[in-house]
């Protein structure tokens, strides 16, 4: 019997429902919450990714685990 070929299931990297929930928290006259969250993410992610890479290179699995959670 031939083996079944499984096709990958594509899942969005960001849950559209979660984005909509964040958008629903916006209030008139207040800063855009989703934009603020994305700006924070874009500001902090490069340093975090670099730190994870450095921890992997040095074998510091405790730091890798701490930064990955």
Protein backbone atom coordinates (compact mmCIF):
# COMPACT_ATOMS: atom_id res chain seq x y z
CA UNK A 1 0.00 0.00 0.00
CA UNK A 2 1.53 3.39 -0.96
CA UNK A 3 2.29 5.83 1.80
CA UNK A 4 -0.11 8.70 2.16
CA UNK A 5 1.39 12.03 1.11
CA UNK A 6 0.51 14.76 3.56
CA UNK A 7 0.16 18.27 2.25
CA UNK A 8 1.28 21.06 4.57
CA UNK A 9 -1.44 23.18 6.09
CA UNK A 10 -0.79 26.88 5.82
CA UNK A 11 -1.53 28.77 9.00
CA UNK A 12 -1.31 32.57 9.18
CA UNK A 13 1.72 33.78 11.14
CA UNK A 14 -0.55 36.20 12.97
CA UNK A 15 -4.04 35.22 14.04
CA UNK A 16 -6.45 37.56 12.22
CA UNK A 17 -8.94 37.25 15.08
CA UNK A 18 -6.29 38.41 17.55
CA UNK A 19 -5.56 41.45 15.38
CA UNK A 20 -9.25 42.26 15.24
CA UNK A 21 -9.53 41.92 19.02
CA UNK A 22 -6.68 44.41 19.45
CA UNK A 23 -8.30 46.80 16.97
CA UNK A 24 -11.53 46.64 18.96
CA UNK A 25 -9.65 48.04 21.97
CA UNK A 26 -8.93 51.29 20.11
CA UNK A 27 -10.69 54.38 21.41
CA UNK A 28 -11.42 57.56 19.47
CA UNK A 29 -8.81 60.24 20.05
CA UNK A 30 -6.30 57.76 21.50
CA UNK A 31 -3.16 56.40 19.82
CA UNK A 32 -3.62 53.32 17.63
CA UNK A 33 -2.96 50.37 19.97
CA UNK A 34 -2.07 47.88 17.24
CA UNK A 35 0.42 50.33 15.72
CA UNK A 36 2.02 50.82 19.15
CA UNK A 37 2.30 47.07 19.71
CA UNK A 38 3.81 46.52 16.27
CA UNK A 39 6.27 49.39 16.77
CA UNK A 40 7.40 47.84 20.08
CA UNK A 41 7.78 44.45 18.40
CA UNK A 42 9.82 45.88 15.54
CA UNK A 43 12.00 47.85 17.95
CA UNK A 44 12.82 44.97 20.32
CA UNK A 45 12.86 41.92 18.05
CA UNK A 46 16.24 42.42 16.30
CA UNK A 47 18.07 42.63 19.66
CA UNK A 48 16.20 39.60 21.01
CA UNK A 49 16.95 37.52 17.91
CA UNK A 50 20.63 38.50 18.12
CA UNK A 51 20.72 37.59 21.82
CA UNK A 52 19.14 34.20 21.12
CA UNK A 53 21.68 33.59 18.36
CA UNK A 54 24.55 34.49 20.70
CA UNK A 55 23.16 32.20 23.40
CA UNK A 56 22.88 29.35 20.90
CA UNK A 57 26.45 29.89 19.74
CA UNK A 58 27.77 29.77 23.31
CA UNK A 59 25.56 26.84 24.26
CA UNK A 60 23.67 28.84 26.90
CA UNK A 61 20.45 26.84 26.69
CA UNK A 62 19.06 28.46 29.85
CA UNK A 63 19.22 31.87 28.15
CA UNK A 64 17.80 30.47 24.92
CA UNK A 65 14.88 29.01 26.87
CA UNK A 66 14.35 32.21 28.88
CA UNK A 67 14.25 34.36 25.77
CA UNK A 68 12.03 31.94 23.87
CA UNK A 69 9.19 32.08 26.38
